[in-house]
Amino acid sequence: MKQFFPPGANSLVRFCLLSIVVTLCVAMWLGAMIVRSPYEMMQNVPREQPVAFSHEHHAGGLGIDCRYCHNTVEVSSFANIPPTKVCMNCHREMWAASQELEPVRESYRTGRSIEWTRVHDLPEFVYFNHSVHVHGGIGCSSCHGRIDKMPLTWQAQPLTMEWCLDCHRHPERFVRPRAEVFNMSYAPPPNQIELGERLMREYRLQRLTSCSTCHR
């Protein structure tokens, strides 16, 4: 019987099949890396806003407490964006004629909210409660970075599930005294693990890693 395939055909087929498998695996790995990359997550990218609000100026320079604007952060699952009247508490007098603040004055006159660009935008299937973390001794800067040094706000952390789980598995590395939660310049002491374990007992914190903790 005539032989249609050369002697090396079997080896060639095996090589092609192996190449296809390897290529698919590499493509899947690259896709996963891209999805988790700072580029895809828009990490460290300052977001343009209708008004160039500077946390560096307000929180850092003027020392305004986070809770003055985000006044639900201790009692609610979300840290609200302040209504325009909160801005106008100061800007009725300060920079009252500034052209840059015209969108703020227009919002105050008309009652229409300013359409801010959301920076920390979690997926709809993720539940996050600000008040639980605040009362658990997790500082603002742990998630938001040194927001008091941001002229325009950007996302400082990746906000991936892996990043969240790192804290949920080892809260003793991150928990701080409640009095320091809103202190942007707080630095963990050398005995952080010892302090963290003590605070976990005091605040009754648990290592919550169940799926239903965040996915409800």
N, C-alpha and C. Protein backbone atom coordinates (compact mmCIF):
# COMPACT_ATOMS: atom_id res chain seq x y z
N MET A 1 0.86 -1.19 0.00
CA MET A 1 0.00 0.00 0.00
C MET A 1 0.89 1.23 0.00
N LYS A 2 0.48 2.19 -0.81
CA LYS A 2 1.26 3.41 -0.93
C LYS A 2 1.14 4.26 0.33
N GLN A 3 2.25 4.80 0.81
CA GLN A 3 2.26 5.63 2.01
C GLN A 3 2.04 7.10 1.63
N PHE A 4 0.96 7.68 2.18
CA PHE A 4 0.61 9.07 1.82
C PHE A 4 1.35 10.10 2.66
N PHE A 5 1.72 9.77 3.87
CA PHE A 5 2.36 10.72 4.78
C PHE A 5 3.82 10.35 5.00
N PRO A 6 4.66 11.36 5.09
CA PRO A 6 6.08 11.08 5.33
C PRO A 6 6.29 10.51 6.72
N PRO A 7 7.45 9.93 7.01
CA PRO A 7 7.72 9.31 8.32
C PRO A 7 7.58 10.29 9.49
N GLY A 8 7.84 11.56 9.26
CA GLY A 8 7.79 12.52 10.36
C GLY A 8 6.43 13.15 10.58
N ALA A 9 5.37 12.62 9.90
CA ALA A 9 4.04 13.24 9.99
C ALA A 9 3.48 13.19 11.41
N ASN A 10 3.64 12.05 12.07
CA ASN A 10 3.12 11.93 13.44
C ASN A 10 3.76 12.96 14.37
N SER A 11 5.07 13.10 14.25
CA SER A 11 5.78 14.09 15.09
C SER A 11 5.30 15.49 14.79
N LEU A 12 5.05 15.77 13.49
CA LEU A 12 4.58 17.10 13.10
C LEU A 12 3.20 17.39 13.69
N VAL A 13 2.30 16.39 13.66
CA VAL A 13 0.96 16.56 14.22
C VAL A 13 1.04 16.81 15.72
N ARG A 14 1.88 16.02 16.40
CA ARG A 14 2.04 16.22 17.85
C ARG A 14 2.55 17.63 18.16
N PHE A 15 3.52 18.07 17.37
CA PHE A 15 4.08 19.41 17.58
C PHE A 15 3.02 20.49 17.36
N CYS A 16 2.20 20.31 16.31
CA CYS A 16 1.15 21.30 16.02
C CYS A 16 0.11 21.34 17.14
N LEU A 17 -0.31 20.16 17.61
CA LEU A 17 -1.28 20.11 18.70
C LEU A 17 -0.72 20.74 19.97
N LEU A 18 0.55 20.43 20.28
CA LEU A 18 1.18 21.01 21.46
C LEU A 18 1.28 22.53 21.32
N SER A 19 1.61 23.00 20.11
CA SER A 19 1.72 24.44 19.87
C SER A 19 0.39 25.14 20.07
N ILE A 20 -0.70 24.48 19.63
CA ILE A 20 -2.04 25.07 19.80
C ILE A 20 -2.38 25.19 21.28
N VAL A 21 -2.10 24.14 22.04
CA VAL A 21 -2.39 24.15 23.47
C VAL A 21 -1.58 25.22 24.19
N VAL A 22 -0.27 25.27 23.86
CA VAL A 22 0.60 26.26 24.48
C VAL A 22 0.15 27.68 24.12
N THR A 23 -0.22 27.90 22.87
CA THR A 23 -0.67 29.22 22.42
C THR A 23 -1.94 29.64 23.17
N LEU A 24 -2.88 28.70 23.31
CA LEU A 24 -4.12 29.01 24.04
C LEU A 24 -3.82 29.35 25.50
N CYS A 25 -2.93 28.57 26.11
CA CYS A 25 -2.58 28.83 27.51
C CYS A 25 -1.92 30.19 27.68
N VAL A 26 -1.00 30.52 26.76
CA VAL A 26 -0.32 31.82 26.82
C VAL A 26 -1.32 32.95 26.61
N ALA A 27 -2.25 32.76 25.65
CA ALA A 27 -3.26 33.80 25.38
C ALA A 27 -4.14 34.02 26.60
N MET A 28 -4.54 32.94 27.27
CA MET A 28 -5.37 33.05 28.47
C MET A 28 -4.59 33.74 29.59
N TRP A 29 -3.32 33.40 29.73
CA TRP A 29 -2.49 34.02 30.76
C TRP A 29 -2.32 35.51 30.50
N LEU A 30 -2.06 35.86 29.23
CA LEU A 30 -1.92 37.28 28.89
C LEU A 30 -3.22 38.03 29.13
N GLY A 31 -4.34 37.40 28.78
CA GLY A 31 -5.63 38.05 29.02
C GLY A 31 -5.87 38.31 30.49
N ALA A 32 -5.53 37.32 31.32
CA ALA A 32 -5.70 37.49 32.77
C ALA A 32 -4.80 38.60 33.30
N MET A 33 -3.57 38.68 32.79
CA MET A 33 -2.64 39.72 33.24
C MET A 33 -3.12 41.11 32.81
N ILE A 34 -3.69 41.19 31.60
CA ILE A 34 -4.18 42.48 31.11
C ILE A 34 -5.37 42.95 31.94
N VAL A 35 -6.30 42.02 32.22
CA VAL A 35 -7.50 42.36 33.00
C VAL A 35 -7.11 42.85 34.39
N ARG A 36 -6.05 42.28 34.97
CA ARG A 36 -5.63 42.63 36.32
C ARG A 36 -4.59 43.74 36.34
N SER A 37 -4.22 44.25 35.20
CA SER A 37 -3.14 45.24 35.13
C SER A 37 -3.60 46.62 35.58
N PRO A 38 -2.68 47.46 36.07
CA PRO A 38 -3.04 48.83 36.42
C PRO A 38 -3.66 49.60 35.25
N TYR A 39 -3.24 49.28 34.02
CA TYR A 39 -3.80 49.96 32.84
C TYR A 39 -5.29 49.68 32.72
N GLU A 40 -5.65 48.41 32.81
CA GLU A 40 -7.05 48.03 32.66
C GLU A 40 -7.88 48.54 33.84
N MET A 41 -7.30 48.52 35.04
CA MET A 41 -8.01 48.97 36.23
C MET A 41 -8.00 50.49 36.37
N MET A 42 -7.30 51.17 35.46
CA MET A 42 -7.14 52.64 35.49
C MET A 42 -6.56 53.10 36.83
N GLN A 43 -5.64 52.29 37.33
CA GLN A 43 -4.97 52.62 38.59
C GLN A 43 -3.95 53.72 38.38
N ASN A 44 -3.91 54.68 39.30
CA ASN A 44 -2.98 55.80 39.28
C ASN A 44 -3.20 56.74 38.09
N VAL A 45 -4.41 56.72 37.55
CA VAL A 45 -4.75 57.62 36.44
C VAL A 45 -5.67 58.73 36.97
N PRO A 46 -5.21 59.98 37.04
CA PRO A 46 -6.08 61.07 37.52
C PRO A 46 -7.31 61.20 36.62
N ARG A 47 -8.48 61.32 37.23
CA ARG A 47 -9.73 61.40 36.46
C ARG A 47 -10.14 62.86 36.27
N GLU A 48 -10.47 63.18 35.05
CA GLU A 48 -10.98 64.52 34.76
C GLU A 48 -12.38 64.65 35.36
N GLN A 49 -12.66 65.83 35.90
CA GLN A 49 -13.94 66.09 36.55
C GLN A 49 -14.55 67.38 36.01
N PRO A 50 -15.86 67.55 36.15
CA PRO A 50 -16.50 68.80 35.72
C PRO A 50 -15.90 70.02 36.41
N VAL A 51 -15.45 69.82 37.65
CA VAL A 51 -14.76 70.86 38.41
C VAL A 51 -13.47 70.23 38.94
N ALA A 52 -12.36 70.93 38.75
CA ALA A 52 -11.06 70.37 39.13
C ALA A 52 -10.90 70.41 40.65
N PHE A 53 -11.64 69.53 41.34
CA PHE A 53 -11.58 69.50 42.80
C PHE A 53 -10.28 68.87 43.25
N SER A 54 -9.60 69.54 44.17
CA SER A 54 -8.30 69.06 44.65
C SER A 54 -8.40 68.63 46.11
N HIS A 55 -8.27 67.32 46.35
CA HIS A 55 -8.18 66.84 47.72
C HIS A 55 -6.88 67.34 48.36
N GLU A 56 -5.85 67.50 47.55
CA GLU A 56 -4.58 67.99 48.08
C GLU A 56 -4.77 69.36 48.74
N HIS A 57 -5.57 70.21 48.10
CA HIS A 57 -5.82 71.56 48.63
C HIS A 57 -6.77 71.51 49.83
N HIS A 58 -7.88 70.80 49.68
CA HIS A 58 -8.91 70.83 50.72
C HIS A 58 -8.54 69.98 51.93
N ALA A 59 -8.15 68.72 51.69
CA ALA A 59 -7.84 67.83 52.81
C ALA A 59 -6.42 68.03 53.32
N GLY A 60 -5.47 68.21 52.38
CA GLY A 60 -4.08 68.37 52.77
C GLY A 60 -3.75 69.77 53.23
N GLY A 61 -4.02 70.76 52.37
CA GLY A 61 -3.65 72.14 52.68
C GLY A 61 -4.52 72.77 53.75
N LEU A 62 -5.84 72.63 53.61
CA LEU A 62 -6.76 73.27 54.55
C LEU A 62 -7.09 72.38 55.75
N GLY A 63 -6.74 71.09 55.64
CA GLY A 63 -6.98 70.18 56.77
C GLY A 63 -8.44 69.86 57.01
N ILE A 64 -9.28 69.92 55.98
CA ILE A 64 -10.70 69.60 56.15
C ILE A 64 -10.84 68.10 56.36
N ASP A 65 -11.54 67.71 57.39
CA ASP A 65 -11.74 66.31 57.72
C ASP A 65 -12.59 65.62 56.64
N CYS A 66 -12.27 64.36 56.36
CA CYS A 66 -13.01 63.60 55.35
C CYS A 66 -14.51 63.64 55.60
N ARG A 67 -14.89 63.59 56.88
CA ARG A 67 -16.30 63.47 57.25
C ARG A 67 -17.10 64.74 57.03
N TYR A 68 -16.42 65.87 56.81
CA TYR A 68 -17.16 67.10 56.54
C TYR A 68 -17.92 66.99 55.21
N CYS A 69 -17.28 66.38 54.23
CA CYS A 69 -17.94 66.19 52.93
C CYS A 69 -18.60 64.81 52.84
N HIS A 70 -17.87 63.78 53.24
CA HIS A 70 -18.40 62.41 53.15
C HIS A 70 -19.01 62.04 54.50
N ASN A 71 -20.13 62.69 54.81
CA ASN A 71 -20.65 62.63 56.18
C ASN A 71 -21.46 61.39 56.51
N THR A 72 -21.59 60.45 55.56
CA THR A 72 -22.30 59.21 55.88
C THR A 72 -21.34 58.03 56.06
N VAL A 73 -20.05 58.29 55.95
CA VAL A 73 -19.08 57.20 55.91
C VAL A 73 -19.05 56.36 57.19
N GLU A 74 -19.45 56.95 58.32
CA GLU A 74 -19.44 56.22 59.59
C GLU A 74 -20.74 55.49 59.88
N VAL A 75 -21.78 55.78 59.13
CA VAL A 75 -23.09 55.22 59.46
C VAL A 75 -23.75 54.50 58.29
N SER A 76 -23.11 54.51 57.13
CA SER A 76 -23.74 53.95 55.95
C SER A 76 -22.76 53.10 55.17
N SER A 77 -23.30 52.31 54.26
CA SER A 77 -22.44 51.47 53.43
C SER A 77 -21.67 52.30 52.41
N PHE A 78 -22.14 53.50 52.09
CA PHE A 78 -21.46 54.32 51.09
C PHE A 78 -21.01 55.64 51.69
N ALA A 79 -19.93 56.15 51.13
CA ALA A 79 -19.45 57.48 51.53
C ALA A 79 -19.99 58.47 50.51
N ASN A 80 -21.01 59.20 50.90
CA ASN A 80 -21.73 60.01 49.92
C ASN A 80 -20.88 61.10 49.29
N ILE A 81 -21.23 61.45 48.07
CA ILE A 81 -20.68 62.65 47.44
C ILE A 81 -21.47 63.83 48.00
N PRO A 82 -20.80 64.83 48.52
CA PRO A 82 -21.53 65.91 49.20
C PRO A 82 -22.42 66.69 48.24
N PRO A 83 -23.58 67.15 48.71
CA PRO A 83 -24.42 68.01 47.88
C PRO A 83 -23.73 69.36 47.66
N THR A 84 -24.17 70.05 46.64
CA THR A 84 -23.53 71.31 46.28
C THR A 84 -23.58 72.34 47.40
N LYS A 85 -24.62 72.28 48.23
CA LYS A 85 -24.73 73.26 49.31
C LYS A 85 -23.57 73.14 50.30
N VAL A 86 -22.97 71.94 50.41
CA VAL A 86 -21.79 71.79 51.28
C VAL A 86 -20.62 72.59 50.70
N CYS A 87 -20.45 72.52 49.38
CA CYS A 87 -19.40 73.32 48.73
C CYS A 87 -19.64 74.81 48.95
N MET A 88 -20.92 75.20 48.83
CA MET A 88 -21.25 76.61 48.92
C MET A 88 -21.17 77.16 50.34
N ASN A 89 -21.08 76.28 51.33
CA ASN A 89 -20.86 76.77 52.70
C ASN A 89 -19.63 77.66 52.75
N CYS A 90 -18.61 77.28 51.99
CA CYS A 90 -17.38 78.09 51.93
C CYS A 90 -17.37 79.01 50.72
N HIS A 91 -17.83 78.49 49.59
CA HIS A 91 -17.62 79.22 48.33
C HIS A 91 -18.67 80.29 48.06
N ARG A 92 -19.57 80.53 49.01
CA ARG A 92 -20.35 81.77 48.94
C ARG A 92 -19.45 82.97 49.14
N GLU A 93 -18.40 82.77 49.93
CA GLU A 93 -17.49 83.86 50.27
C GLU A 93 -16.13 83.71 49.60
N MET A 94 -15.61 82.48 49.57
CA MET A 94 -14.27 82.24 49.04
C MET A 94 -14.35 81.87 47.55
N TRP A 95 -13.58 82.56 46.73
CA TRP A 95 -13.57 82.33 45.29
C TRP A 95 -14.99 82.40 44.72
N ALA A 96 -15.77 83.33 45.23
CA ALA A 96 -17.19 83.41 44.86
C ALA A 96 -17.40 83.81 43.41
N ALA A 97 -16.41 84.44 42.79
CA ALA A 97 -16.56 84.87 41.39
C ALA A 97 -15.67 84.07 40.44
N SER A 98 -15.03 83.02 40.93
CA SER A 98 -14.12 82.22 40.10
C SER A 98 -14.88 81.53 38.98
N GLN A 99 -14.35 81.66 37.77
CA GLN A 99 -14.98 81.03 36.61
C GLN A 99 -14.92 79.51 36.72
N GLU A 100 -13.87 78.99 37.34
CA GLU A 100 -13.74 77.54 37.49
C GLU A 100 -14.86 76.95 38.34
N LEU A 101 -15.42 77.77 39.24
CA LEU A 101 -16.46 77.28 40.13
C LEU A 101 -17.87 77.59 39.63
N GLU A 102 -17.99 78.06 38.40
CA GLU A 102 -19.32 78.35 37.85
C GLU A 102 -20.21 77.11 37.82
N PRO A 103 -19.70 75.91 37.46
CA PRO A 103 -20.57 74.72 37.52
C PRO A 103 -21.14 74.46 38.92
N VAL A 104 -20.37 74.83 39.95
CA VAL A 104 -20.86 74.65 41.32
C VAL A 104 -21.99 75.64 41.60
N ARG A 105 -21.78 76.90 41.21
CA ARG A 105 -22.82 77.90 41.44
C ARG A 105 -24.08 77.60 40.64
N GLU A 106 -23.90 77.11 39.40
CA GLU A 106 -25.05 76.76 38.57
C GLU A 106 -25.83 75.61 39.20
N SER A 107 -25.11 74.62 39.70
CA SER A 107 -25.76 73.50 40.37
C SER A 107 -26.56 73.96 41.58
N TYR A 108 -25.99 74.91 42.32
CA TYR A 108 -26.66 75.43 43.52
C TYR A 108 -27.91 76.22 43.14
N ARG A 109 -27.83 76.98 42.02
CA ARG A 109 -28.97 77.78 41.58
C ARG A 109 -30.11 76.90 41.05
N THR A 110 -29.74 75.89 40.27
CA THR A 110 -30.75 75.10 39.57
C THR A 110 -31.20 73.86 40.34
N GLY A 111 -30.38 73.42 41.28
CA GLY A 111 -30.71 72.19 42.00
C GLY A 111 -30.31 70.92 41.26
N ARG A 112 -29.65 71.08 40.09
CA ARG A 112 -29.19 69.91 39.34
C ARG A 112 -27.80 69.49 39.85
N SER A 113 -27.64 68.21 40.11
CA SER A 113 -26.38 67.71 40.64
C SER A 113 -25.26 67.83 39.61
N ILE A 114 -24.07 68.04 40.10
CA ILE A 114 -22.89 68.01 39.24
C ILE A 114 -22.61 66.55 38.88
N GLU A 115 -22.34 66.29 37.62
CA GLU A 115 -22.11 64.91 37.17
C GLU A 115 -20.62 64.57 37.33
N TRP A 116 -20.27 64.20 38.55
CA TRP A 116 -18.89 63.83 38.84
C TRP A 116 -18.54 62.50 38.19
N THR A 117 -17.29 62.33 37.82
CA THR A 117 -16.81 61.05 37.30
C THR A 117 -16.42 60.16 38.46
N ARG A 118 -17.01 58.98 38.52
CA ARG A 118 -16.71 58.07 39.62
C ARG A 118 -15.30 57.53 39.48
N VAL A 119 -14.57 57.50 40.59
CA VAL A 119 -13.18 57.03 40.58
C VAL A 119 -13.09 55.59 41.07
N HIS A 120 -13.66 55.31 42.23
CA HIS A 120 -13.63 53.95 42.78
C HIS A 120 -14.97 53.29 42.46
N ASP A 121 -15.00 52.59 41.32
CA ASP A 121 -16.24 52.05 40.79
C ASP A 121 -16.22 50.53 40.86
N LEU A 122 -16.74 49.97 41.94
CA LEU A 122 -16.78 48.52 42.10
C LEU A 122 -17.89 47.93 41.22
N PRO A 123 -17.72 46.68 40.78
CA PRO A 123 -18.78 46.03 40.00
C PRO A 123 -20.07 45.91 40.82
N GLU A 124 -21.19 45.77 40.12
CA GLU A 124 -22.48 45.69 40.79
C GLU A 124 -22.59 44.45 41.68
N PHE A 125 -21.81 43.40 41.36
CA PHE A 125 -21.93 42.17 42.14
C PHE A 125 -21.04 42.17 43.39
N VAL A 126 -20.41 43.29 43.68
CA VAL A 126 -19.56 43.40 44.86
C VAL A 126 -20.22 44.33 45.88
N TYR A 127 -20.35 43.85 47.10
CA TYR A 127 -20.90 44.66 48.19
C TYR A 127 -19.77 45.14 49.08
N PHE A 128 -19.73 46.44 49.31
CA PHE A 128 -18.71 47.02 50.19
C PHE A 128 -19.39 47.97 51.15
N ASN A 129 -19.10 47.85 52.42
CA ASN A 129 -19.72 48.70 53.45
C ASN A 129 -18.65 49.57 54.10
N HIS A 130 -18.72 50.88 53.85
CA HIS A 130 -17.74 51.79 54.42
C HIS A 130 -17.78 51.81 55.94
N SER A 131 -18.97 51.87 56.52
CA SER A 131 -19.07 52.02 57.97
C SER A 131 -18.48 50.83 58.71
N VAL A 132 -18.65 49.63 58.17
CA VAL A 132 -18.09 48.43 58.80
C VAL A 132 -16.57 48.52 58.85
N HIS A 133 -15.97 48.97 57.76
CA HIS A 133 -14.51 49.07 57.70
C HIS A 133 -14.00 50.20 58.60
N VAL A 134 -14.71 51.32 58.61
CA VAL A 134 -14.31 52.44 59.47
C VAL A 134 -14.34 52.03 60.93
N HIS A 135 -15.42 51.41 61.36
CA HIS A 135 -15.54 50.99 62.76
C HIS A 135 -14.61 49.80 63.07
N GLY A 136 -14.16 49.11 62.02
CA GLY A 136 -13.21 48.03 62.21
C GLY A 136 -11.77 48.49 62.25
N GLY A 137 -11.55 49.80 62.14
CA GLY A 137 -10.20 50.33 62.26
C GLY A 137 -9.39 50.29 60.98
N ILE A 138 -10.07 50.29 59.84
CA ILE A 138 -9.36 50.33 58.56
C ILE A 138 -9.35 51.78 58.08
N GLY A 139 -8.16 52.33 57.92
CA GLY A 139 -8.02 53.74 57.58
C GLY A 139 -8.40 54.06 56.15
N CYS A 140 -8.82 55.29 55.93
CA CYS A 140 -9.17 55.75 54.57
C CYS A 140 -8.01 55.52 53.60
N SER A 141 -6.80 55.83 54.05
CA SER A 141 -5.63 55.74 53.17
C SER A 141 -5.29 54.31 52.80
N SER A 142 -5.78 53.33 53.57
CA SER A 142 -5.50 51.94 53.24
C SER A 142 -6.09 51.57 51.88
N CYS A 143 -7.25 52.12 51.57
CA CYS A 143 -7.90 51.85 50.29
C CYS A 143 -7.73 52.99 49.28
N HIS A 144 -7.80 54.22 49.78
CA HIS A 144 -7.79 55.37 48.87
C HIS A 144 -6.41 55.98 48.67
N GLY A 145 -5.41 55.49 49.38
CA GLY A 145 -4.08 56.07 49.26
C GLY A 145 -4.02 57.44 49.92
N ARG A 146 -2.91 58.14 49.68
CA ARG A 146 -2.73 59.47 50.27
C ARG A 146 -3.54 60.48 49.47
N ILE A 147 -4.85 60.44 49.69
CA ILE A 147 -5.74 61.31 48.92
C ILE A 147 -5.49 62.77 49.24
N ASP A 148 -4.88 63.03 50.40
CA ASP A 148 -4.55 64.42 50.76
C ASP A 148 -3.39 64.96 49.95
N LYS A 149 -2.82 64.13 49.07
CA LYS A 149 -1.73 64.58 48.20
C LYS A 149 -2.11 64.48 46.72
N MET A 150 -3.40 64.36 46.44
CA MET A 150 -3.87 64.21 45.06
C MET A 150 -4.52 65.49 44.55
N PRO A 151 -3.88 66.19 43.60
CA PRO A 151 -4.51 67.37 43.00
C PRO A 151 -5.81 67.00 42.29
N LEU A 152 -5.78 65.92 41.52
CA LEU A 152 -7.00 65.29 41.01
C LEU A 152 -7.02 63.86 41.54
N THR A 153 -8.19 63.35 41.81
CA THR A 153 -8.29 62.04 42.46
C THR A 153 -8.02 60.91 41.48
N TRP A 154 -7.30 59.91 41.95
CA TRP A 154 -7.10 58.70 41.16
C TRP A 154 -7.26 57.48 42.07
N GLN A 155 -7.39 56.32 41.46
CA GLN A 155 -7.52 55.07 42.19
C GLN A 155 -6.13 54.57 42.56
N ALA A 156 -5.84 54.54 43.84
CA ALA A 156 -4.49 54.20 44.29
C ALA A 156 -4.26 52.70 44.38
N GLN A 157 -5.29 51.92 44.62
CA GLN A 157 -5.17 50.47 44.80
C GLN A 157 -5.85 49.73 43.65
N PRO A 158 -5.47 48.47 43.40
CA PRO A 158 -6.06 47.74 42.27
C PRO A 158 -7.52 47.38 42.46
N LEU A 159 -7.97 47.22 43.72
CA LEU A 159 -9.35 46.85 44.04
C LEU A 159 -9.75 45.50 43.44
N THR A 160 -8.78 44.62 43.22
CA THR A 160 -9.09 43.28 42.76
C THR A 160 -9.54 42.43 43.95
N MET A 161 -10.15 41.28 43.66
CA MET A 161 -10.59 40.40 44.73
C MET A 161 -9.37 39.90 45.53
N GLU A 162 -8.28 39.63 44.84
CA GLU A 162 -7.06 39.19 45.51
C GLU A 162 -6.58 40.23 46.51
N TRP A 163 -6.65 41.49 46.12
CA TRP A 163 -6.20 42.58 47.00
C TRP A 163 -7.11 42.67 48.23
N CYS A 164 -8.41 42.55 48.04
CA CYS A 164 -9.34 42.59 49.17
C CYS A 164 -9.11 41.40 50.10
N LEU A 165 -8.92 40.22 49.52
CA LEU A 165 -8.74 39.02 50.33
C LEU A 165 -7.46 39.06 51.15
N ASP A 166 -6.46 39.75 50.66
CA ASP A 166 -5.21 39.86 51.42
C ASP A 166 -5.47 40.52 52.77
N CYS A 167 -6.32 41.52 52.79
CA CYS A 167 -6.67 42.19 54.05
C CYS A 167 -7.62 41.34 54.88
N HIS A 168 -8.58 40.68 54.23
CA HIS A 168 -9.54 39.85 54.95
C HIS A 168 -8.87 38.64 55.59
N ARG A 169 -7.80 38.16 54.98
CA ARG A 169 -7.09 37.01 55.55
C ARG A 169 -6.14 37.42 56.66
N HIS A 170 -5.60 38.64 56.55
CA HIS A 170 -4.60 39.11 57.51
C HIS A 170 -4.94 40.52 58.00
N PRO A 171 -6.10 40.71 58.63
CA PRO A 171 -6.48 42.07 59.07
C PRO A 171 -5.52 42.66 60.09
N GLU A 172 -4.79 41.83 60.81
CA GLU A 172 -3.86 42.36 61.82
C GLU A 172 -2.75 43.20 61.19
N ARG A 173 -2.52 43.04 59.89
CA ARG A 173 -1.49 43.83 59.21
C ARG A 173 -1.97 45.25 58.91
N PHE A 174 -3.29 45.45 58.91
CA PHE A 174 -3.83 46.72 58.41
C PHE A 174 -4.65 47.50 59.43
N VAL A 175 -5.23 46.80 60.42
CA VAL A 175 -6.11 47.50 61.37
C VAL A 175 -5.30 48.50 62.19
N ARG A 176 -5.94 49.63 62.47
CA ARG A 176 -5.32 50.70 63.26
C ARG A 176 -6.31 51.17 64.32
N PRO A 177 -5.87 51.93 65.31
CA PRO A 177 -6.82 52.48 66.29
C PRO A 177 -7.88 53.32 65.59
N ARG A 178 -9.10 53.23 66.07
CA ARG A 178 -10.20 53.97 65.43
C ARG A 178 -9.93 55.47 65.39
N ALA A 179 -9.22 55.98 66.37
CA ALA A 179 -8.92 57.41 66.41
C ALA A 179 -8.01 57.83 65.25
N GLU A 180 -7.37 56.86 64.60
CA GLU A 180 -6.43 57.16 63.52
C GLU A 180 -6.99 56.84 62.14
N VAL A 181 -8.24 56.42 62.06
CA VAL A 181 -8.82 55.99 60.79
C VAL A 181 -8.77 57.10 59.74
N PHE A 182 -9.03 58.34 60.16
CA PHE A 182 -9.09 59.45 59.21
C PHE A 182 -7.77 60.23 59.14
N ASN A 183 -6.75 59.71 59.79
CA ASN A 183 -5.42 60.33 59.76
C ASN A 183 -4.66 59.83 58.54
N MET A 184 -4.50 60.69 57.55
CA MET A 184 -3.88 60.29 56.29
C MET A 184 -2.39 59.98 56.45
N SER A 185 -1.75 60.61 57.38
CA SER A 185 -0.30 60.43 57.54
C SER A 185 0.05 59.31 58.52
N TYR A 186 -0.93 58.57 58.98
CA TYR A 186 -0.68 57.48 59.93
C TYR A 186 0.23 56.43 59.31
N ALA A 187 1.22 56.00 60.06
CA ALA A 187 2.14 54.95 59.61
C ALA A 187 2.09 53.81 60.61
N PRO A 188 2.04 52.56 60.13
CA PRO A 188 2.01 51.41 61.07
C PRO A 188 3.25 51.40 61.95
N PRO A 189 3.09 51.13 63.23
CA PRO A 189 4.24 51.08 64.14
C PRO A 189 5.04 49.79 63.92
N PRO A 190 6.24 49.73 64.48
CA PRO A 190 7.05 48.50 64.34
C PRO A 190 6.35 47.26 64.89
N ASN A 191 5.51 47.42 65.89
CA ASN A 191 4.80 46.28 66.49
C ASN A 191 3.39 46.13 65.91
N GLN A 192 3.22 46.42 64.62
CA GLN A 192 1.91 46.41 64.00
C GLN A 192 1.18 45.09 64.19
N ILE A 193 1.85 43.94 64.04
CA ILE A 193 1.18 42.65 64.16
C ILE A 193 0.63 42.47 65.58
N GLU A 194 1.44 42.81 66.56
CA GLU A 194 1.00 42.71 67.96
C GLU A 194 -0.17 43.65 68.22
N LEU A 195 -0.04 44.90 67.74
CA LEU A 195 -1.12 45.88 67.90
C LEU A 195 -2.37 45.41 67.16
N GLY A 196 -2.18 44.93 65.94
CA GLY A 196 -3.31 44.50 65.13
C GLY A 196 -4.07 43.35 65.76
N GLU A 197 -3.36 42.38 66.31
CA GLU A 197 -4.03 41.25 66.96
C GLU A 197 -4.80 41.70 68.19
N ARG A 198 -4.24 42.68 68.92
CA ARG A 198 -4.95 43.20 70.09
C ARG A 198 -6.22 43.95 69.67
N LEU A 199 -6.09 44.76 68.61
CA LEU A 199 -7.25 45.52 68.13
C LEU A 199 -8.31 44.59 67.55
N MET A 200 -7.89 43.50 66.94
CA MET A 200 -8.86 42.54 66.41
C MET A 200 -9.72 41.97 67.54
N ARG A 201 -9.09 41.67 68.66
CA ARG A 201 -9.85 41.18 69.80
C ARG A 201 -10.75 42.27 70.37
N GLU A 202 -10.21 43.49 70.44
CA GLU A 202 -10.97 44.61 71.01
C GLU A 202 -12.16 44.98 70.13
N TYR A 203 -11.95 44.97 68.80
CA TYR A 203 -13.01 45.35 67.87
C TYR A 203 -13.84 44.15 67.42
N ARG A 204 -13.48 42.97 67.90
CA ARG A 204 -14.17 41.73 67.55
C ARG A 204 -14.16 41.49 66.04
N LEU A 205 -13.01 41.64 65.45
CA LEU A 205 -12.86 41.43 64.01
C LEU A 205 -12.65 39.95 63.70
N GLN A 206 -13.16 39.54 62.56
CA GLN A 206 -13.00 38.16 62.11
C GLN A 206 -12.31 38.15 60.75
N ARG A 207 -11.71 37.01 60.43
CA ARG A 207 -11.10 36.82 59.11
C ARG A 207 -12.19 36.30 58.18
N LEU A 208 -12.91 37.21 57.55
CA LEU A 208 -14.06 36.84 56.72
C LEU A 208 -13.61 36.62 55.28
N THR A 209 -13.63 35.36 54.85
CA THR A 209 -13.22 35.03 53.48
C THR A 209 -14.30 34.27 52.72
N SER A 210 -15.48 34.17 53.30
CA SER A 210 -16.59 33.50 52.62
C SER A 210 -17.04 34.34 51.43
N CYS A 211 -17.45 33.67 50.36
CA CYS A 211 -17.90 34.38 49.16
C CYS A 211 -19.05 35.34 49.46
N SER A 212 -19.96 34.90 50.36
CA SER A 212 -21.15 35.71 50.66
C SER A 212 -20.83 36.98 51.43
N THR A 213 -19.60 37.12 51.92
CA THR A 213 -19.24 38.37 52.62
C THR A 213 -19.33 39.56 51.67
N CYS A 214 -18.89 39.38 50.45
CA CYS A 214 -18.87 40.48 49.47
C CYS A 214 -19.84 40.27 48.32
N HIS A 215 -20.17 39.03 48.02
CA HIS A 215 -21.06 38.74 46.89
C HIS A 215 -22.40 38.27 47.44
N ARG A 216 -23.37 39.21 47.44
CA ARG A 216 -24.66 38.93 48.07
C ARG A 216 -25.79 38.95 47.05
